[in-house]
Amino acid sequence: MFYTPPTYSHSRKGFTLVELLVVISIIGILSSIVLASMSKARSQSRDGKRITDIKQIQLAIGLYYDANNKFPLTISSTSLASFISVVPIDPSSSQSTTYSYDYVPYCASTDLSSPVSYHMGAALENSGNNAMLNDSDASSFSSAAYVACTGGASTDLAGSDAGKCLSSDTGSYCFDVTP
């Protein structure tokens, strides 16, 4: 009687290097697609925040006008302290106390310290926002008897949807409001 040793099947236990590389590359491709779609969603979210902030500030300015019978010369936590708890800042700016929305108060040419109107705007990143259909699109105050007040921006906002509010803005589309 001859002894024959038992035969073992050489089954694979694990993955080959090629299989691991294929799986890692597929995961990389899928994650890049997700990140690309997330950046568009983030920019749309920032634009929505900017529009909401402008509306909140516009409400605070209206309350300021009711209390003082004039609009504020500047938009700050000091000037609007009684009417808004925190003046919002642009969502893409660093978290500082610097207000970064554009604001131009208008005064009668005889009194540069009592604004009678204003033009305010935010530079948006995307053109497809429906709120831009209902913004002011004003390029300047409509009467020659009024000028930009002392303390406000020296130049008015462009107002056109397809351009920047101010040339120094980082966005490409202007959402602007007037009283």
N, C-alpha and C. Protein backbone atom coordinates (compact mmCIF):
# COMPACT_ATOMS: atom_id res chain seq x y z
N MET A 1 0.82 -1.15 0.00
CA MET A 1 0.00 0.00 0.00
C MET A 1 0.88 1.23 0.00
N PHE A 2 0.55 2.02 -0.94
CA PHE A 2 1.34 3.24 -1.09
C PHE A 2 0.62 4.43 -0.45
N TYR A 3 1.43 5.20 0.13
CA TYR A 3 0.86 6.41 0.77
C TYR A 3 0.86 7.55 -0.23
N THR A 4 -0.30 8.17 -0.43
CA THR A 4 -0.39 9.36 -1.28
C THR A 4 -0.80 10.54 -0.40
N PRO A 5 -0.01 11.55 -0.46
CA PRO A 5 -0.35 12.72 0.37
C PRO A 5 -1.62 13.40 -0.14
N PRO A 6 -2.37 14.01 0.77
CA PRO A 6 -3.62 14.66 0.35
C PRO A 6 -3.31 15.87 -0.55
N THR A 7 -4.15 16.08 -1.52
CA THR A 7 -3.97 17.22 -2.43
C THR A 7 -4.78 18.40 -1.92
N TYR A 8 -4.13 19.51 -1.95
CA TYR A 8 -4.80 20.74 -1.51
C TYR A 8 -5.08 21.60 -2.73
N SER A 9 -6.26 22.15 -2.76
CA SER A 9 -6.54 23.07 -3.87
C SER A 9 -5.93 24.43 -3.54
N HIS A 10 -5.35 25.06 -4.48
CA HIS A 10 -4.71 26.36 -4.29
C HIS A 10 -5.72 27.47 -4.59
N SER A 11 -6.66 27.63 -3.73
CA SER A 11 -7.66 28.69 -3.94
C SER A 11 -7.07 30.03 -3.51
N ARG A 12 -7.51 31.11 -4.21
CA ARG A 12 -7.00 32.44 -3.92
C ARG A 12 -7.64 32.97 -2.66
N LYS A 13 -6.83 33.56 -1.83
CA LYS A 13 -7.34 34.21 -0.64
C LYS A 13 -6.88 35.66 -0.70
N GLY A 14 -7.74 36.56 -1.20
CA GLY A 14 -7.38 37.97 -1.30
C GLY A 14 -7.52 38.48 -2.71
N PHE A 15 -7.05 39.72 -2.92
CA PHE A 15 -7.17 40.38 -4.21
C PHE A 15 -5.79 40.60 -4.78
N THR A 16 -5.74 40.66 -6.09
CA THR A 16 -4.46 40.97 -6.73
C THR A 16 -4.28 42.48 -6.74
N LEU A 17 -3.09 42.90 -6.99
CA LEU A 17 -2.77 44.32 -7.04
C LEU A 17 -3.56 45.03 -8.14
N VAL A 18 -3.73 44.39 -9.27
CA VAL A 18 -4.47 44.97 -10.38
C VAL A 18 -5.93 45.20 -9.98
N GLU A 19 -6.53 44.24 -9.33
CA GLU A 19 -7.92 44.40 -8.89
C GLU A 19 -8.07 45.57 -7.92
N LEU A 20 -7.14 45.69 -6.99
CA LEU A 20 -7.18 46.80 -6.03
C LEU A 20 -7.02 48.14 -6.73
N LEU A 21 -6.12 48.24 -7.69
CA LEU A 21 -5.92 49.49 -8.43
C LEU A 21 -7.16 49.87 -9.24
N VAL A 22 -7.83 48.91 -9.82
CA VAL A 22 -9.05 49.18 -10.59
C VAL A 22 -10.13 49.73 -9.67
N VAL A 23 -10.32 49.11 -8.52
CA VAL A 23 -11.33 49.58 -7.57
C VAL A 23 -11.01 50.99 -7.07
N ILE A 24 -9.75 51.25 -6.75
CA ILE A 24 -9.35 52.58 -6.27
C ILE A 24 -9.56 53.62 -7.35
N SER A 25 -9.26 53.32 -8.61
CA SER A 25 -9.46 54.28 -9.68
C SER A 25 -10.95 54.55 -9.91
N ILE A 26 -11.80 53.55 -9.80
CA ILE A 26 -13.24 53.75 -9.94
C ILE A 26 -13.76 54.65 -8.82
N ILE A 27 -13.32 54.42 -7.61
CA ILE A 27 -13.72 55.26 -6.48
C ILE A 27 -13.25 56.70 -6.69
N GLY A 28 -12.04 56.87 -7.20
CA GLY A 28 -11.52 58.21 -7.48
C GLY A 28 -12.34 58.94 -8.52
N ILE A 29 -12.72 58.27 -9.58
CA ILE A 29 -13.54 58.88 -10.63
C ILE A 29 -14.91 59.28 -10.08
N LEU A 30 -15.53 58.40 -9.33
CA LEU A 30 -16.85 58.70 -8.75
C LEU A 30 -16.77 59.87 -7.77
N SER A 31 -15.73 59.92 -6.95
CA SER A 31 -15.62 61.02 -5.98
C SER A 31 -15.36 62.35 -6.68
N SER A 32 -14.62 62.35 -7.79
CA SER A 32 -14.40 63.61 -8.51
C SER A 32 -15.70 64.11 -9.14
N ILE A 33 -16.55 63.22 -9.60
CA ILE A 33 -17.85 63.61 -10.15
C ILE A 33 -18.71 64.22 -9.05
N VAL A 34 -18.74 63.60 -7.89
CA VAL A 34 -19.52 64.12 -6.77
C VAL A 34 -19.01 65.48 -6.32
N LEU A 35 -17.69 65.64 -6.23
CA LEU A 35 -17.12 66.92 -5.82
C LEU A 35 -17.41 68.02 -6.83
N ALA A 36 -17.40 67.71 -8.11
CA ALA A 36 -17.72 68.71 -9.13
C ALA A 36 -19.16 69.18 -8.99
N SER A 37 -20.07 68.28 -8.75
CA SER A 37 -21.47 68.68 -8.59
C SER A 37 -21.69 69.41 -7.27
N MET A 38 -20.89 69.10 -6.27
CA MET A 38 -21.01 69.78 -4.98
C MET A 38 -20.53 71.23 -5.07
N SER A 39 -19.52 71.52 -5.88
CA SER A 39 -19.03 72.89 -5.98
C SER A 39 -20.09 73.79 -6.61
N LYS A 40 -20.83 73.29 -7.58
CA LYS A 40 -21.94 74.06 -8.18
C LYS A 40 -23.02 74.30 -7.13
N ALA A 41 -23.34 73.29 -6.35
CA ALA A 41 -24.35 73.45 -5.31
C ALA A 41 -23.89 74.44 -4.24
N ARG A 42 -22.60 74.44 -3.91
CA ARG A 42 -22.08 75.39 -2.93
C ARG A 42 -22.18 76.82 -3.43
N SER A 43 -21.84 77.05 -4.69
CA SER A 43 -21.92 78.42 -5.22
C SER A 43 -23.37 78.88 -5.28
N GLN A 44 -24.30 78.00 -5.61
CA GLN A 44 -25.72 78.37 -5.62
C GLN A 44 -26.19 78.65 -4.20
N SER A 45 -25.69 77.91 -3.24
CA SER A 45 -26.04 78.15 -1.84
C SER A 45 -25.52 79.51 -1.37
N ARG A 46 -24.28 79.86 -1.75
CA ARG A 46 -23.73 81.17 -1.39
C ARG A 46 -24.54 82.30 -2.02
N ASP A 47 -24.97 82.11 -3.27
CA ASP A 47 -25.80 83.12 -3.93
C ASP A 47 -27.14 83.29 -3.22
N GLY A 48 -27.74 82.18 -2.81
CA GLY A 48 -29.00 82.25 -2.06
C GLY A 48 -28.83 82.98 -0.74
N LYS A 49 -27.71 82.74 -0.08
CA LYS A 49 -27.42 83.44 1.19
C LYS A 49 -27.25 84.93 0.94
N ARG A 50 -26.56 85.29 -0.14
CA ARG A 50 -26.37 86.71 -0.45
C ARG A 50 -27.71 87.41 -0.68
N ILE A 51 -28.60 86.77 -1.41
CA ILE A 51 -29.91 87.38 -1.70
C ILE A 51 -30.72 87.51 -0.42
N THR A 52 -30.69 86.49 0.42
CA THR A 52 -31.39 86.55 1.70
C THR A 52 -30.81 87.64 2.59
N ASP A 53 -29.49 87.75 2.61
CA ASP A 53 -28.84 88.80 3.41
C ASP A 53 -29.26 90.18 2.94
N ILE A 54 -29.28 90.40 1.62
CA ILE A 54 -29.69 91.71 1.08
C ILE A 54 -31.12 92.03 1.52
N LYS A 55 -32.00 91.05 1.48
CA LYS A 55 -33.40 91.28 1.90
C LYS A 55 -33.48 91.60 3.39
N GLN A 56 -32.68 90.92 4.22
CA GLN A 56 -32.68 91.22 5.66
C GLN A 56 -32.15 92.62 5.93
N ILE A 57 -31.08 92.98 5.24
CA ILE A 57 -30.51 94.31 5.42
C ILE A 57 -31.48 95.37 4.92
N GLN A 58 -32.15 95.08 3.81
CA GLN A 58 -33.14 96.02 3.28
C GLN A 58 -34.27 96.24 4.28
N LEU A 59 -34.70 95.19 4.97
CA LEU A 59 -35.71 95.32 6.01
C LEU A 59 -35.20 96.18 7.16
N ALA A 60 -33.96 95.95 7.59
CA ALA A 60 -33.36 96.76 8.67
C ALA A 60 -33.24 98.22 8.25
N ILE A 61 -32.89 98.46 7.00
CA ILE A 61 -32.79 99.84 6.49
C ILE A 61 -34.16 100.50 6.51
N GLY A 62 -35.19 99.75 6.16
CA GLY A 62 -36.56 100.28 6.20
C GLY A 62 -36.97 100.64 7.63
N LEU A 63 -36.62 99.80 8.59
CA LEU A 63 -36.91 100.10 9.99
C LEU A 63 -36.12 101.32 10.45
N TYR A 64 -34.87 101.44 10.02
CA TYR A 64 -34.04 102.61 10.34
C TYR A 64 -34.71 103.88 9.79
N TYR A 65 -35.19 103.79 8.56
CA TYR A 65 -35.86 104.94 7.93
C TYR A 65 -37.11 105.35 8.71
N ASP A 66 -37.90 104.37 9.13
CA ASP A 66 -39.11 104.67 9.91
C ASP A 66 -38.77 105.38 11.21
N ALA A 67 -37.67 105.00 11.84
CA ALA A 67 -37.28 105.58 13.13
C ALA A 67 -36.58 106.93 12.98
N ASN A 68 -35.85 107.14 11.88
CA ASN A 68 -35.01 108.34 11.75
C ASN A 68 -35.41 109.27 10.61
N ASN A 69 -36.37 108.87 9.80
CA ASN A 69 -36.83 109.65 8.66
C ASN A 69 -35.72 109.92 7.64
N LYS A 70 -34.74 109.05 7.59
CA LYS A 70 -33.68 109.08 6.59
C LYS A 70 -33.05 107.70 6.56
N PHE A 71 -32.31 107.42 5.49
CA PHE A 71 -31.61 106.14 5.38
C PHE A 71 -30.24 106.27 6.03
N PRO A 72 -29.62 105.16 6.43
CA PRO A 72 -28.28 105.26 7.06
C PRO A 72 -27.21 105.64 6.03
N LEU A 73 -26.17 106.29 6.49
CA LEU A 73 -25.05 106.64 5.61
C LEU A 73 -24.20 105.42 5.28
N THR A 74 -24.09 104.50 6.22
CA THR A 74 -23.32 103.28 6.01
C THR A 74 -24.09 102.08 6.56
N ILE A 75 -23.70 100.94 6.11
CA ILE A 75 -24.27 99.69 6.63
C ILE A 75 -23.23 99.10 7.57
N SER A 76 -23.55 99.09 8.86
CA SER A 76 -22.62 98.52 9.84
C SER A 76 -23.42 98.05 11.04
N SER A 77 -22.75 97.32 11.90
CA SER A 77 -23.39 96.87 13.13
C SER A 77 -23.74 98.05 14.02
N THR A 78 -22.99 99.14 13.90
CA THR A 78 -23.26 100.33 14.71
C THR A 78 -24.50 101.06 14.21
N SER A 79 -24.57 101.31 12.91
CA SER A 79 -25.68 102.09 12.38
C SER A 79 -27.01 101.34 12.43
N LEU A 80 -26.98 100.03 12.34
CA LEU A 80 -28.22 99.25 12.32
C LEU A 80 -28.42 98.41 13.57
N ALA A 81 -27.71 98.73 14.65
CA ALA A 81 -27.72 97.91 15.87
C ALA A 81 -29.12 97.68 16.42
N SER A 82 -29.99 98.66 16.36
CA SER A 82 -31.34 98.52 16.92
C SER A 82 -32.29 97.78 15.99
N PHE A 83 -31.87 97.53 14.77
CA PHE A 83 -32.80 97.00 13.78
C PHE A 83 -32.46 95.62 13.24
N ILE A 84 -31.22 95.19 13.45
CA ILE A 84 -30.81 93.84 13.03
C ILE A 84 -29.76 93.37 14.03
N SER A 85 -29.88 92.13 14.47
CA SER A 85 -28.97 91.65 15.52
C SER A 85 -27.52 91.58 15.04
N VAL A 86 -27.30 91.06 13.85
CA VAL A 86 -25.96 90.97 13.29
C VAL A 86 -26.06 91.32 11.81
N VAL A 87 -25.26 92.27 11.37
CA VAL A 87 -25.22 92.59 9.95
C VAL A 87 -24.46 91.48 9.25
N PRO A 88 -25.09 90.78 8.31
CA PRO A 88 -24.42 89.65 7.67
C PRO A 88 -23.25 90.09 6.80
N ILE A 89 -22.29 89.19 6.64
CA ILE A 89 -21.17 89.41 5.74
C ILE A 89 -21.27 88.41 4.60
N ASP A 90 -20.57 88.68 3.53
CA ASP A 90 -20.59 87.80 2.37
C ASP A 90 -20.12 86.40 2.76
N PRO A 91 -20.81 85.35 2.33
CA PRO A 91 -20.44 83.99 2.74
C PRO A 91 -19.09 83.52 2.22
N SER A 92 -18.56 84.13 1.18
CA SER A 92 -17.27 83.68 0.67
C SER A 92 -16.10 84.44 1.30
N SER A 93 -16.40 85.51 2.05
CA SER A 93 -15.31 86.26 2.69
C SER A 93 -14.90 85.57 3.97
N SER A 94 -13.74 85.91 4.45
CA SER A 94 -13.28 85.33 5.70
C SER A 94 -14.19 85.81 6.83
N GLN A 95 -14.31 85.04 7.84
CA GLN A 95 -15.22 85.38 8.94
C GLN A 95 -14.67 86.55 9.75
N SER A 96 -14.87 87.73 9.23
CA SER A 96 -14.45 88.94 9.92
C SER A 96 -15.68 89.80 10.13
N THR A 97 -15.50 90.95 10.69
CA THR A 97 -16.64 91.84 10.92
C THR A 97 -16.81 92.83 9.78
N THR A 98 -16.04 92.67 8.72
CA THR A 98 -16.13 93.58 7.59
C THR A 98 -17.35 93.25 6.76
N TYR A 99 -18.17 94.26 6.54
CA TYR A 99 -19.35 94.10 5.72
C TYR A 99 -18.95 94.19 4.27
N SER A 100 -19.35 93.26 3.45
CA SER A 100 -18.84 93.23 2.09
C SER A 100 -19.89 93.37 1.00
N TYR A 101 -21.11 93.76 1.34
CA TYR A 101 -22.10 94.04 0.30
C TYR A 101 -21.98 95.51 -0.10
N ASP A 102 -22.33 95.81 -1.34
CA ASP A 102 -22.18 97.16 -1.87
C ASP A 102 -23.39 98.02 -1.47
N TYR A 103 -23.13 99.24 -0.99
CA TYR A 103 -24.20 100.13 -0.54
C TYR A 103 -23.83 101.57 -0.91
N VAL A 104 -24.72 102.22 -1.64
CA VAL A 104 -24.52 103.62 -2.03
C VAL A 104 -25.74 104.42 -1.57
N PRO A 105 -25.59 105.27 -0.54
CA PRO A 105 -26.70 106.13 -0.14
C PRO A 105 -26.75 107.37 -1.02
N TYR A 106 -27.96 107.88 -1.26
CA TYR A 106 -28.14 109.09 -2.07
C TYR A 106 -28.70 110.21 -1.21
N CYS A 107 -28.13 111.39 -1.37
CA CYS A 107 -28.57 112.58 -0.63
C CYS A 107 -28.96 113.67 -1.62
N ALA A 108 -29.75 114.61 -1.12
CA ALA A 108 -29.99 115.82 -1.90
C ALA A 108 -28.67 116.56 -2.00
N SER A 109 -28.41 117.20 -3.12
CA SER A 109 -27.11 117.86 -3.30
C SER A 109 -26.86 118.97 -2.30
N THR A 110 -27.91 119.41 -1.59
CA THR A 110 -27.75 120.46 -0.59
C THR A 110 -27.48 119.91 0.81
N ASP A 111 -27.73 118.63 1.05
CA ASP A 111 -27.53 118.04 2.38
C ASP A 111 -26.93 116.64 2.22
N LEU A 112 -25.62 116.53 2.36
CA LEU A 112 -24.93 115.26 2.12
C LEU A 112 -24.89 114.35 3.34
N SER A 113 -25.65 114.65 4.37
CA SER A 113 -25.64 113.81 5.55
C SER A 113 -27.00 113.15 5.83
N SER A 114 -27.98 113.40 4.98
CA SER A 114 -29.32 112.82 5.18
C SER A 114 -29.76 112.07 3.93
N PRO A 115 -29.43 110.80 3.83
CA PRO A 115 -29.81 110.02 2.64
C PRO A 115 -31.32 109.92 2.45
N VAL A 116 -31.74 110.13 1.21
CA VAL A 116 -33.16 110.02 0.86
C VAL A 116 -33.45 108.74 0.08
N SER A 117 -32.40 108.05 -0.36
CA SER A 117 -32.56 106.80 -1.08
C SER A 117 -31.24 106.03 -0.99
N TYR A 118 -31.20 104.86 -1.58
CA TYR A 118 -29.98 104.06 -1.61
C TYR A 118 -30.02 103.09 -2.77
N HIS A 119 -28.87 102.52 -3.07
CA HIS A 119 -28.72 101.47 -4.07
C HIS A 119 -27.79 100.44 -3.44
N MET A 120 -28.26 99.22 -3.30
CA MET A 120 -27.48 98.19 -2.62
C MET A 120 -27.41 96.96 -3.52
N GLY A 121 -26.29 96.25 -3.47
CA GLY A 121 -26.16 95.08 -4.31
C GLY A 121 -25.20 94.05 -3.78
N ALA A 122 -25.27 92.88 -4.39
CA ALA A 122 -24.37 91.78 -4.08
C ALA A 122 -23.94 91.14 -5.39
N ALA A 123 -22.68 90.77 -5.47
CA ALA A 123 -22.16 90.10 -6.65
C ALA A 123 -22.42 88.61 -6.52
N LEU A 124 -23.18 88.05 -7.46
CA LEU A 124 -23.50 86.62 -7.45
C LEU A 124 -22.54 85.84 -8.33
N GLU A 125 -22.44 84.56 -8.08
CA GLU A 125 -21.54 83.70 -8.84
C GLU A 125 -22.22 83.05 -10.04
N ASN A 126 -23.54 82.86 -9.98
CA ASN A 126 -24.27 82.15 -11.03
C ASN A 126 -25.33 83.06 -11.65
N SER A 127 -25.55 82.90 -12.94
CA SER A 127 -26.52 83.75 -13.63
C SER A 127 -27.93 83.21 -13.58
N GLY A 128 -28.12 81.96 -13.26
CA GLY A 128 -29.43 81.34 -13.37
C GLY A 128 -30.36 81.53 -12.19
N ASN A 129 -30.08 82.46 -11.30
CA ASN A 129 -30.92 82.64 -10.12
C ASN A 129 -32.18 83.42 -10.49
N ASN A 130 -33.35 82.90 -10.16
CA ASN A 130 -34.61 83.55 -10.50
C ASN A 130 -34.81 84.88 -9.80
N ALA A 131 -34.14 85.12 -8.70
CA ALA A 131 -34.27 86.40 -7.99
C ALA A 131 -33.75 87.55 -8.84
N MET A 132 -32.87 87.28 -9.78
CA MET A 132 -32.33 88.34 -10.64
C MET A 132 -33.38 88.86 -11.62
N LEU A 133 -34.47 88.12 -11.78
CA LEU A 133 -35.55 88.60 -12.64
C LEU A 133 -36.33 89.74 -11.98
N ASN A 134 -36.26 89.82 -10.65
CA ASN A 134 -37.03 90.82 -9.91
C ASN A 134 -36.18 91.85 -9.19
N ASP A 135 -34.89 91.96 -9.54
CA ASP A 135 -34.07 92.97 -8.88
C ASP A 135 -34.21 94.30 -9.61
N SER A 136 -33.54 95.32 -9.12
CA SER A 136 -33.74 96.68 -9.64
C SER A 136 -33.13 96.93 -11.01
N ASP A 137 -31.96 96.39 -11.27
CA ASP A 137 -31.22 96.66 -12.50
C ASP A 137 -31.03 98.16 -12.73
N ALA A 138 -30.85 98.91 -11.65
CA ALA A 138 -30.65 100.35 -11.76
C ALA A 138 -29.17 100.64 -11.96
N SER A 139 -28.88 101.60 -12.83
CA SER A 139 -27.48 101.95 -13.06
C SER A 139 -27.10 103.23 -12.32
N SER A 140 -28.08 104.00 -11.91
CA SER A 140 -27.81 105.20 -11.11
C SER A 140 -29.14 105.72 -10.58
N PHE A 141 -29.05 106.66 -9.65
CA PHE A 141 -30.27 107.24 -9.11
C PHE A 141 -30.92 108.09 -10.20
N SER A 142 -32.24 108.09 -10.27
CA SER A 142 -32.94 108.64 -11.42
C SER A 142 -32.98 110.16 -11.49
N SER A 143 -32.61 110.87 -10.47
CA SER A 143 -32.72 112.33 -10.49
C SER A 143 -31.35 112.99 -10.36
N ALA A 144 -31.13 114.03 -11.15
CA ALA A 144 -29.85 114.75 -11.10
C ALA A 144 -29.72 115.60 -9.84
N ALA A 145 -30.81 115.82 -9.12
CA ALA A 145 -30.77 116.62 -7.91
C ALA A 145 -30.18 115.84 -6.73
N TYR A 146 -29.92 114.56 -6.92
CA TYR A 146 -29.40 113.72 -5.85
C TYR A 146 -28.02 113.20 -6.23
N VAL A 147 -27.16 113.10 -5.24
CA VAL A 147 -25.79 112.61 -5.45
C VAL A 147 -25.46 111.57 -4.38
N ALA A 148 -24.38 110.83 -4.61
CA ALA A 148 -23.93 109.87 -3.60
C ALA A 148 -23.50 110.64 -2.36
N CYS A 149 -23.98 110.21 -1.21
CA CYS A 149 -23.69 110.90 0.06
C CYS A 149 -22.25 110.71 0.49
N THR A 150 -21.80 111.59 1.34
CA THR A 150 -20.50 111.44 1.97
C THR A 150 -20.55 110.22 2.88
N GLY A 151 -19.56 109.36 2.79
CA GLY A 151 -19.52 108.16 3.61
C GLY A 151 -19.92 106.92 2.86
N GLY A 152 -20.62 107.07 1.76
CA GLY A 152 -21.00 105.92 0.96
C GLY A 152 -19.94 105.64 -0.09
N ALA A 153 -20.22 104.70 -0.96
CA ALA A 153 -19.29 104.39 -2.04
C ALA A 153 -19.21 105.58 -3.00
N SER A 154 -18.06 105.81 -3.58
CA SER A 154 -17.89 106.96 -4.46
C SER A 154 -18.50 106.74 -5.84
N THR A 155 -18.64 105.49 -6.26
CA THR A 155 -19.26 105.19 -7.54
C THR A 155 -20.49 104.33 -7.31
N ASP A 156 -21.45 104.50 -8.19
CA ASP A 156 -22.68 103.73 -8.07
C ASP A 156 -22.48 102.32 -8.61
N LEU A 157 -23.41 101.46 -8.29
CA LEU A 157 -23.38 100.08 -8.76
C LEU A 157 -23.79 100.05 -10.22
N ALA A 158 -23.23 99.11 -10.97
CA ALA A 158 -23.59 98.98 -12.38
C ALA A 158 -25.04 98.57 -12.52
N GLY A 159 -25.49 97.65 -11.66
CA GLY A 159 -26.89 97.26 -11.65
C GLY A 159 -27.30 96.23 -12.67
N SER A 160 -26.60 96.13 -13.78
CA SER A 160 -26.95 95.17 -14.82
C SER A 160 -26.73 93.75 -14.33
N ASP A 161 -27.68 92.87 -14.63
CA ASP A 161 -27.56 91.48 -14.19
C ASP A 161 -26.30 90.80 -14.73
N ALA A 162 -25.89 91.15 -15.94
CA ALA A 162 -24.81 90.45 -16.60
C ALA A 162 -23.42 90.99 -16.26
N GLY A 163 -23.32 91.91 -15.33
CA GLY A 163 -22.01 92.45 -14.98
C GLY A 163 -21.82 92.51 -13.49
N LYS A 164 -20.63 92.90 -13.07
CA LYS A 164 -20.34 93.05 -11.64
C LYS A 164 -21.04 94.31 -11.13
N CYS A 165 -21.41 94.31 -9.85
CA CYS A 165 -21.99 95.52 -9.25
C CYS A 165 -20.95 96.63 -9.23
N LEU A 166 -19.78 96.33 -8.69
CA LEU A 166 -18.63 97.23 -8.71
C LEU A 166 -17.48 96.49 -9.38
N SER A 167 -16.58 97.21 -9.99
CA SER A 167 -15.47 96.55 -10.69
C SER A 167 -14.59 95.75 -9.74
N SER A 168 -14.60 96.09 -8.45
CA SER A 168 -13.78 95.37 -7.48
C SER A 168 -14.44 94.08 -6.97
N ASP A 169 -15.69 93.83 -7.32
CA ASP A 169 -16.39 92.64 -6.84
C ASP A 169 -15.81 91.37 -7.46
N THR A 170 -15.91 90.26 -6.71
CA THR A 170 -15.39 89.00 -7.20
C THR A 170 -16.41 88.21 -8.00
N GLY A 171 -17.68 88.45 -7.81
CA GLY A 171 -18.71 87.72 -8.55
C GLY A 171 -18.85 88.25 -9.96
N SER A 172 -19.70 87.64 -10.75
CA SER A 172 -19.86 88.02 -12.15
C SER A 172 -21.24 88.57 -12.48
N TYR A 173 -22.18 88.50 -11.55
CA TYR A 173 -23.55 88.92 -11.83
C TYR A 173 -24.03 89.80 -10.68
N CYS A 174 -24.77 90.86 -10.99
CA CYS A 174 -25.16 91.82 -9.97
C CYS A 174 -26.64 91.68 -9.60
N PHE A 175 -26.89 91.41 -8.33
CA PHE A 175 -28.24 91.46 -7.77
C PHE A 175 -28.33 92.75 -6.99
N ASP A 176 -29.19 93.69 -7.43
CA ASP A 176 -29.25 94.99 -6.77
C ASP A 176 -30.68 95.36 -6.39
N VAL A 177 -30.80 96.16 -5.33
CA VAL A 177 -32.11 96.60 -4.85
C VAL A 177 -32.06 98.10 -4.54
N THR A 178 -33.21 98.71 -4.62
CA THR A 178 -33.42 100.09 -4.22
C THR A 178 -34.67 100.10 -3.36
N PRO A 179 -34.93 101.19 -2.62
CA PRO A 179 -36.12 101.20 -1.76
C PRO A 179 -37.42 101.07 -2.56
